[in-house]
């Protein structure tokens, strides 16, 4: 390996806006993130699930109606 061309790799503390800190290895001096696994809704169990059942039911109802018209027509 060539000398002097590789970045220096050292221990860094990555901090989140929620106050959580994790020690990592990096070539940068500081790491700041807006969201982490301690405050992300997916990991905390506060994720909202989008209900698309109404759209699917409406599509199926329309599909069944078109299918019935094709058989009778």
PDB file of N, CA and C in Angstrom:
ATOM      1  N   UNK A   1       0.834  -1.183   0.000  1.00  0.00           N
ATOM      2  CA  UNK A   1       0.000   0.000   0.000  1.00  0.00           C
ATOM      3  C   UNK A   1       0.879   1.247   0.000  1.00  0.00           C
ATOM      4  N   UNK A   2       0.409   2.252  -0.691  1.00  0.00           N
ATOM      5  CA  UNK A   2       1.155   3.506  -0.724  1.00  0.00           C
ATOM      6  C   UNK A   2       0.984   4.249   0.590  1.00  0.00           C
ATOM      7  N   UNK A   3       2.018   4.896   1.012  1.00  0.00           N
ATOM      8  CA  UNK A   3       1.997   5.659   2.260  1.00  0.00           C
ATOM      9  C   UNK A   3       1.448   7.062   2.002  1.00  0.00           C
ATOM     10  N   UNK A   4       0.633   7.558   2.938  1.00  0.00           N
ATOM     11  CA  UNK A   4       0.170   8.936   2.888  1.00  0.00           C
ATOM     12  C   UNK A   4      -1.056   9.205   2.036  1.00  0.00           C
ATOM     13  N   UNK A   5      -1.651   8.180   1.408  1.00  0.00           N
ATOM     14  CA  UNK A   5      -2.830   8.433   0.575  1.00  0.00           C
ATOM     15  C   UNK A   5      -4.122   7.940   1.225  1.00  0.00           C
ATOM     16  N   UNK A   6      -4.021   7.198   2.296  1.00  0.00           N
ATOM     17  CA  UNK A   6      -5.201   6.638   2.940  1.00  0.00           C
ATOM     18  C   UNK A   6      -5.671   7.535   4.086  1.00  0.00           C
ATOM     19  N   UNK A   7      -6.997   7.723   4.216  1.00  0.00           N
ATOM     20  CA  UNK A   7      -7.501   8.576   5.294  1.00  0.00           C
ATOM     21  C   UNK A   7      -7.303   7.916   6.659  1.00  0.00           C
ATOM     22  N   UNK A   8      -7.242   8.736   7.683  1.00  0.00           N
ATOM     23  CA  UNK A   8      -7.060   8.238   9.040  1.00  0.00           C
ATOM     24  C   UNK A   8      -8.406   7.757   9.582  1.00  0.00           C
ATOM     25  N   UNK A   9      -8.445   6.547  10.065  1.00  0.00           N
ATOM     26  CA  UNK A   9      -9.664   5.918  10.577  1.00  0.00           C
ATOM     27  C   UNK A   9      -9.586   5.899  12.096  1.00  0.00           C
ATOM     28  N   UNK A  10     -10.592   6.486  12.768  1.00  0.00           N
ATOM     29  CA  UNK A  10     -10.558   6.551  14.221  1.00  0.00           C
ATOM     30  C   UNK A  10     -11.965   6.446  14.816  1.00  0.00           C
ATOM     31  N   UNK A  11     -12.053   6.318  16.135  1.00  0.00           N
ATOM     32  CA  UNK A  11     -13.328   6.221  16.841  1.00  0.00           C
ATOM     33  C   UNK A  11     -14.029   7.584  16.846  1.00  0.00           C
ATOM     34  N   UNK A  12     -15.344   7.565  16.556  1.00  0.00           N
ATOM     35  CA  UNK A  12     -16.147   8.784  16.497  1.00  0.00           C
ATOM     36  C   UNK A  12     -17.469   8.520  17.206  1.00  0.00           C
ATOM     37  N   UNK A  13     -18.023   9.533  17.839  1.00  0.00           N
ATOM     38  CA  UNK A  13     -19.340   9.414  18.462  1.00  0.00           C
ATOM     39  C   UNK A  13     -20.371   9.994  17.499  1.00  0.00           C
ATOM     40  N   UNK A  14     -21.330   9.161  17.065  1.00  0.00           N
ATOM     41  CA  UNK A  14     -22.423   9.616  16.212  1.00  0.00           C
ATOM     42  C   UNK A  14     -23.575  10.010  17.122  1.00  0.00           C
ATOM     43  N   UNK A  15     -24.045  11.245  16.988  1.00  0.00           N
ATOM     44  CA  UNK A  15     -25.113  11.726  17.860  1.00  0.00           C
ATOM     45  C   UNK A  15     -26.360  12.057  17.049  1.00  0.00           C
ATOM     46  N   UNK A  16     -27.502  11.734  17.641  1.00  0.00           N
ATOM     47  CA  UNK A  16     -28.805  11.976  17.027  1.00  0.00           C
ATOM     48  C   UNK A  16     -29.443  13.179  17.719  1.00  0.00           C
ATOM     49  N   UNK A  17     -30.411  13.801  17.067  1.00  0.00           N
ATOM     50  CA  UNK A  17     -31.087  14.942  17.679  1.00  0.00           C
ATOM     51  C   UNK A  17     -31.914  14.534  18.891  1.00  0.00           C
ATOM     52  N   UNK A  18     -32.242  13.244  19.020  1.00  0.00           N
ATOM     53  CA  UNK A  18     -33.006  12.771  20.177  1.00  0.00           C
ATOM     54  C   UNK A  18     -32.120  12.625  21.411  1.00  0.00           C
ATOM     55  N   UNK A  19     -30.808  12.714  21.233  1.00  0.00           N
ATOM     56  CA  UNK A  19     -29.877  12.611  22.351  1.00  0.00           C
ATOM     57  C   UNK A  19     -29.137  11.290  22.410  1.00  0.00           C
ATOM     58  N   UNK A  20     -29.507  10.349  21.588  1.00  0.00           N
ATOM     59  CA  UNK A  20     -28.847   9.048  21.551  1.00  0.00           C
ATOM     60  C   UNK A  20     -27.464   9.178  20.916  1.00  0.00           C
ATOM     61  N   UNK A  21     -26.499   8.462  21.474  1.00  0.00           N
ATOM     62  CA  UNK A  21     -25.138   8.490  20.933  1.00  0.00           C
ATOM     63  C   UNK A  21     -24.630   7.071  20.735  1.00  0.00           C
ATOM     64  N   UNK A  22     -23.900   6.862  19.647  1.00  0.00           N
ATOM     65  CA  UNK A  22     -23.335   5.563  19.310  1.00  0.00           C
ATOM     66  C   UNK A  22     -21.884   5.774  18.920  1.00  0.00           C
ATOM     67  N   UNK A  23     -21.018   4.922  19.396  1.00  0.00           N
ATOM     68  CA  UNK A  23     -19.601   5.035  19.052  1.00  0.00           C
ATOM     69  C   UNK A  23     -19.326   4.176  17.821  1.00  0.00           C
ATOM     70  N   UNK A  24     -18.733   4.803  16.815  1.00  0.00           N
ATOM     71  CA  UNK A  24     -18.450   4.155  15.536  1.00  0.00           C
ATOM     72  C   UNK A  24     -17.012   4.419  15.124  1.00  0.00           C
ATOM     73  N   UNK A  25     -16.619   3.758  14.075  1.00  0.00           N
ATOM     74  CA  UNK A  25     -15.342   4.042  13.446  1.00  0.00           C
ATOM     75  C   UNK A  25     -15.599   4.786  12.154  1.00  0.00           C
ATOM     76  N   UNK A  26     -14.862   5.856  11.908  1.00  0.00           N
ATOM     77  CA  UNK A  26     -15.088   6.656  10.715  1.00  0.00           C
ATOM     78  C   UNK A  26     -13.841   7.465  10.375  1.00  0.00           C
ATOM     79  N   UNK A  27     -13.833   8.035   9.185  1.00  0.00           N
ATOM     80  CA  UNK A  27     -12.742   8.913   8.781  1.00  0.00           C
ATOM     81  C   UNK A  27     -13.076  10.369   9.072  1.00  0.00           C
ATOM     82  N   UNK A  28     -14.333  10.662   9.440  1.00  0.00           N
ATOM     83  CA  UNK A  28     -14.720  12.028   9.785  1.00  0.00           C
ATOM     84  C   UNK A  28     -14.523  12.270  11.277  1.00  0.00           C
ATOM     85  N   UNK A  29     -14.623  13.512  11.685  1.00  0.00           N
ATOM     86  CA  UNK A  29     -14.424  13.831  13.103  1.00  0.00           C
ATOM     87  C   UNK A  29     -15.721  13.789  13.896  1.00  0.00           C
ATOM     88  N   UNK A  30     -16.844  14.196  13.291  1.00  0.00           N
ATOM     89  CA  UNK A  30     -18.142  14.160  13.975  1.00  0.00           C
ATOM     90  C   UNK A  30     -19.208  13.651  13.022  1.00  0.00           C
ATOM     91  N   UNK A  31     -20.200  12.972  13.599  1.00  0.00           N
ATOM     92  CA  UNK A  31     -21.336  12.504  12.813  1.00  0.00           C
ATOM     93  C   UNK A  31     -22.595  12.920  13.556  1.00  0.00           C
ATOM     94  N   UNK A  32     -23.475  13.652  12.869  1.00  0.00           N
ATOM     95  CA  UNK A  32     -24.759  14.048  13.443  1.00  0.00           C
ATOM     96  C   UNK A  32     -25.855  13.563  12.508  1.00  0.00           C
ATOM     97  N   UNK A  33     -26.861  12.890  13.077  1.00  0.00           N
ATOM     98  CA  UNK A  33     -27.972  12.382  12.282  1.00  0.00           C
ATOM     99  C   UNK A  33     -29.278  12.950  12.822  1.00  0.00           C
ATOM    100  N   UNK A  34     -30.285  13.044  11.963  1.00  0.00           N
ATOM    101  CA  UNK A  34     -31.583  13.570  12.363  1.00  0.00           C
ATOM    102  C   UNK A  34     -32.459  12.504  12.995  1.00  0.00           C
ATOM    103  N   UNK A  35     -32.277  11.253  12.601  1.00  0.00           N
ATOM    104  CA  UNK A  35     -33.124  10.176  13.107  1.00  0.00           C
ATOM    105  C   UNK A  35     -32.288   8.909  13.230  1.00  0.00           C
ATOM    106  N   UNK A  36     -32.542   8.141  14.285  1.00  0.00           N
ATOM    107  CA  UNK A  36     -31.777   6.916  14.520  1.00  0.00           C
ATOM    108  C   UNK A  36     -32.738   5.801  14.932  1.00  0.00           C
ATOM    109  N   UNK A  37     -32.210   4.640  15.223  1.00  0.00           N
ATOM    110  CA  UNK A  37     -33.065   3.512  15.602  1.00  0.00           C
ATOM    111  C   UNK A  37     -33.730   3.721  16.956  1.00  0.00           C
ATOM    112  N   UNK A  38     -33.228   4.632  17.772  1.00  0.00           N
ATOM    113  CA  UNK A  38     -33.836   4.905  19.077  1.00  0.00           C
ATOM    114  C   UNK A  38     -35.075   5.788  18.953  1.00  0.00           C
ATOM    115  N   UNK A  39     -35.180   6.562  17.868  1.00  0.00           N
ATOM    116  CA  UNK A  39     -36.326   7.466  17.734  1.00  0.00           C
ATOM    117  C   UNK A  39     -37.120   7.261  16.441  1.00  0.00           C
ATOM    118  N   UNK A  40     -36.698   6.362  15.561  1.00  0.00           N
ATOM    119  CA  UNK A  40     -37.424   6.120  14.314  1.00  0.00           C
ATOM    120  C   UNK A  40     -38.720   5.372  14.609  1.00  0.00           C
ATOM    121  N   UNK A  41     -39.855   5.804  14.040  1.00  0.00           N
ATOM    122  CA  UNK A  41     -41.143   5.162  14.323  1.00  0.00           C
ATOM    123  C   UNK A  41     -41.177   3.668  14.005  1.00  0.00           C
ATOM    124  N   UNK A  42     -40.438   3.221  13.010  1.00  0.00           N
ATOM    125  CA  UNK A  42     -40.438   1.796  12.674  1.00  0.00           C
ATOM    126  C   UNK A  42     -39.859   0.965  13.808  1.00  0.00           C
ATOM    127  N   UNK A  43     -38.787   1.431  14.413  1.00  0.00           N
ATOM    128  CA  UNK A  43     -38.120   0.684  15.473  1.00  0.00           C
ATOM    129  C   UNK A  43     -38.771   0.874  16.837  1.00  0.00           C
ATOM    130  N   UNK A  44     -39.468   1.985  17.045  1.00  0.00           N
ATOM    131  CA  UNK A  44     -40.093   2.243  18.340  1.00  0.00           C
ATOM    132  C   UNK A  44     -41.498   1.672  18.436  1.00  0.00           C
ATOM    133  N   UNK A  45     -42.058   1.194  17.324  1.00  0.00           N
ATOM    134  CA  UNK A  45     -43.398   0.616  17.334  1.00  0.00           C
ATOM    135  C   UNK A  45     -44.497   1.650  17.195  1.00  0.00           C
ATOM    136  N   UNK A  46     -44.174   2.861  16.827  1.00  0.00           N
ATOM    137  CA  UNK A  46     -45.170   3.915  16.668  1.00  0.00           C
ATOM    138  C   UNK A  46     -45.456   4.207  15.199  1.00  0.00           C
ATOM    139  N   UNK A  47     -45.125   3.270  14.337  1.00  0.00           N
ATOM    140  CA  UNK A  47     -45.321   3.465  12.907  1.00  0.00           C
ATOM    141  C   UNK A  47     -46.801   3.401  12.581  1.00  0.00           C
ATOM    142  N   UNK A  48     -47.274   4.313  11.743  1.00  0.00           N
ATOM    143  CA  UNK A  48     -48.660   4.320  11.306  1.00  0.00           C
ATOM    144  C   UNK A  48     -48.746   3.531  10.006  1.00  0.00           C
ATOM    145  N   UNK A  49     -49.665   2.590   9.958  1.00  0.00           N
ATOM    146  CA  UNK A  49     -49.847   1.775   8.761  1.00  0.00           C
ATOM    147  C   UNK A  49     -50.953   2.408   7.931  1.00  0.00           C
ATOM    148  N   UNK A  50     -50.683   2.623   6.663  1.00  0.00           N
ATOM    149  CA  UNK A  50     -51.658   3.219   5.768  1.00  0.00           C
ATOM    150  C   UNK A  50     -52.655   2.143   5.374  1.00  0.00           C
ATOM    151  N   UNK A  51     -53.926   2.427   5.585  1.00  0.00           N
ATOM    152  CA  UNK A  51     -54.979   1.461   5.291  1.00  0.00           C
ATOM    153  C   UNK A  51     -55.442   1.655   3.855  1.00  0.00           C
ATOM    154  N   UNK A  52     -55.157   0.687   3.003  1.00  0.00           N
ATOM    155  CA  UNK A  52     -55.560   0.760   1.602  1.00  0.00           C
ATOM    156  C   UNK A  52     -56.721  -0.173   1.309  1.00  0.00           C
ATOM    157  N   UNK A  53     -57.344  -0.703   2.349  1.00  0.00           N
ATOM    158  CA  UNK A  53     -58.433  -1.655   2.154  1.00  0.00           C
ATOM    159  C   UNK A  53     -59.579  -1.031   1.372  1.00  0.00           C
ATOM    160  N   UNK A  54     -59.890   0.215   1.616  1.00  0.00           N
ATOM    161  CA  UNK A  54     -60.968   0.882   0.900  1.00  0.00           C
ATOM    162  C   UNK A  54     -60.712   0.917  -0.592  1.00  0.00           C
ATOM    163  N   UNK A  55     -59.503   1.183  -0.993  1.00  0.00           N
ATOM    164  CA  UNK A  55     -59.169   1.231  -2.413  1.00  0.00           C
ATOM    165  C   UNK A  55     -59.265  -0.149  -3.050  1.00  0.00           C
ATOM    166  N   UNK A  56     -58.787  -1.154  -2.347  1.00  0.00           N
ATOM    167  CA  UNK A  56     -58.820  -2.514  -2.884  1.00  0.00           C
ATOM    168  C   UNK A  56     -60.261  -2.983  -3.012  1.00  0.00           C
ATOM    169  N   UNK A  57     -61.069  -2.747  -1.983  1.00  0.00           N
ATOM    170  CA  UNK A  57     -62.476  -3.141  -2.039  1.00  0.00           C
ATOM    171  C   UNK A  57     -63.202  -2.446  -3.182  1.00  0.00           C
ATOM    172  N   UNK A  58     -62.927  -1.169  -3.372  1.00  0.00           N
ATOM    173  CA  UNK A  58     -63.574  -0.422  -4.450  1.00  0.00           C
ATOM    174  C   UNK A  58     -63.168  -0.999  -5.809  1.00  0.00           C
ATOM    175  N   UNK A  59     -61.892  -1.342  -5.969  1.00  0.00           N
ATOM    176  CA  UNK A  59     -61.425  -1.934  -7.219  1.00  0.00           C
ATOM    177  C   UNK A  59     -62.081  -3.288  -7.456  1.00  0.00           C
ATOM    178  N   UNK A  60     -62.127  -4.132  -6.409  1.00  0.00           N
ATOM    179  CA  UNK A  60     -62.714  -5.463  -6.557  1.00  0.00           C
ATOM    180  C   UNK A  60     -64.200  -5.370  -6.876  1.00  0.00           C
ATOM    181  N   UNK A  61     -64.894  -4.431  -6.265  1.00  0.00           N
ATOM    182  CA  UNK A  61     -66.320  -4.259  -6.531  1.00  0.00           C
ATOM    183  C   UNK A  61     -66.535  -3.854  -7.988  1.00  0.00           C
ATOM    184  N   UNK A  62     -65.717  -2.946  -8.473  1.00  0.00           N
ATOM    185  CA  UNK A  62     -65.825  -2.498  -9.855  1.00  0.00           C
ATOM    186  C   UNK A  62     -65.471  -3.642 -10.811  1.00  0.00           C
ATOM    187  N   UNK A  63     -64.448  -4.420 -10.479  1.00  0.00           N
ATOM    188  CA  UNK A  63     -64.021  -5.527 -11.322  1.00  0.00           C
ATOM    189  C   UNK A  63     -65.114  -6.591 -11.401  1.00  0.00           C
ATOM    190  N   UNK A  64     -65.715  -6.917 -10.262  1.00  0.00           N
ATOM    191  CA  UNK A  64     -66.794  -7.914 -10.246  1.00  0.00           C
ATOM    192  C   UNK A  64     -67.986  -7.422 -11.055  1.00  0.00           C
ATOM    193  N   UNK A  65     -68.298  -6.122 -10.958  1.00  0.00           N
ATOM    194  CA  UNK A  65     -69.426  -5.574 -11.686  1.00  0.00           C
ATOM    195  C   UNK A  65     -69.170  -5.653 -13.190  1.00  0.00           C
ATOM    196  N   UNK A  66     -67.973  -5.307 -13.639  1.00  0.00           N
ATOM    197  CA  UNK A  66     -67.633  -5.387 -15.056  1.00  0.00           C
ATOM    198  C   UNK A  66     -67.675  -6.829 -15.539  1.00  0.00           C
ATOM    199  N   UNK A  67     -67.263  -7.762 -14.704  1.00  0.00           N
ATOM    200  CA  UNK A  67     -67.257  -9.172 -15.067  1.00  0.00           C
ATOM    201  C   UNK A  67     -68.687  -9.685 -15.239  1.00  0.00           C
ATOM    202  N   UNK A  68     -69.599  -9.261 -14.353  1.00  0.00           N
ATOM    203  CA  UNK A  68     -71.001  -9.678 -14.450  1.00  0.00           C
ATOM    204  C   UNK A  68     -71.635  -9.116 -15.711  1.00  0.00           C
ATOM    205  N   UNK A  69     -71.344  -7.859 -16.054  1.00  0.00           N
ATOM    206  CA  UNK A  69     -71.890  -7.247 -17.263  1.00  0.00           C
ATOM    207  C   UNK A  69     -71.384  -7.953 -18.510  1.00  0.00           C
ATOM    208  N   UNK A  70     -70.159  -8.420 -18.505  1.00  0.00           N
ATOM    209  CA  UNK A  70     -69.591  -9.117 -19.651  1.00  0.00           C
ATOM    210  C   UNK A  70     -70.283 -10.462 -19.854  1.00  0.00           C
ATOM    211  N   UNK A  71     -70.647 -11.149 -18.771  1.00  0.00           N
ATOM    212  CA  UNK A  71     -71.325 -12.438 -18.879  1.00  0.00           C
ATOM    213  C   UNK A  71     -72.755 -12.270 -19.383  1.00  0.00           C
ATOM    214  N   UNK A  72     -73.451 -11.222 -18.955  1.00  0.00           N
ATOM    215  CA  UNK A  72     -74.843 -11.027 -19.348  1.00  0.00           C
ATOM    216  C   UNK A  72     -74.958 -10.342 -20.694  1.00  0.00           C
ATOM    217  N   UNK A  73     -73.961  -9.606 -21.119  1.00  0.00           N
ATOM    218  CA  UNK A  73     -74.048  -8.790 -22.326  1.00  0.00           C
ATOM    219  C   UNK A  73     -73.523  -9.403 -23.535  1.00  0.00           C
TER     220      UNK A  73
END
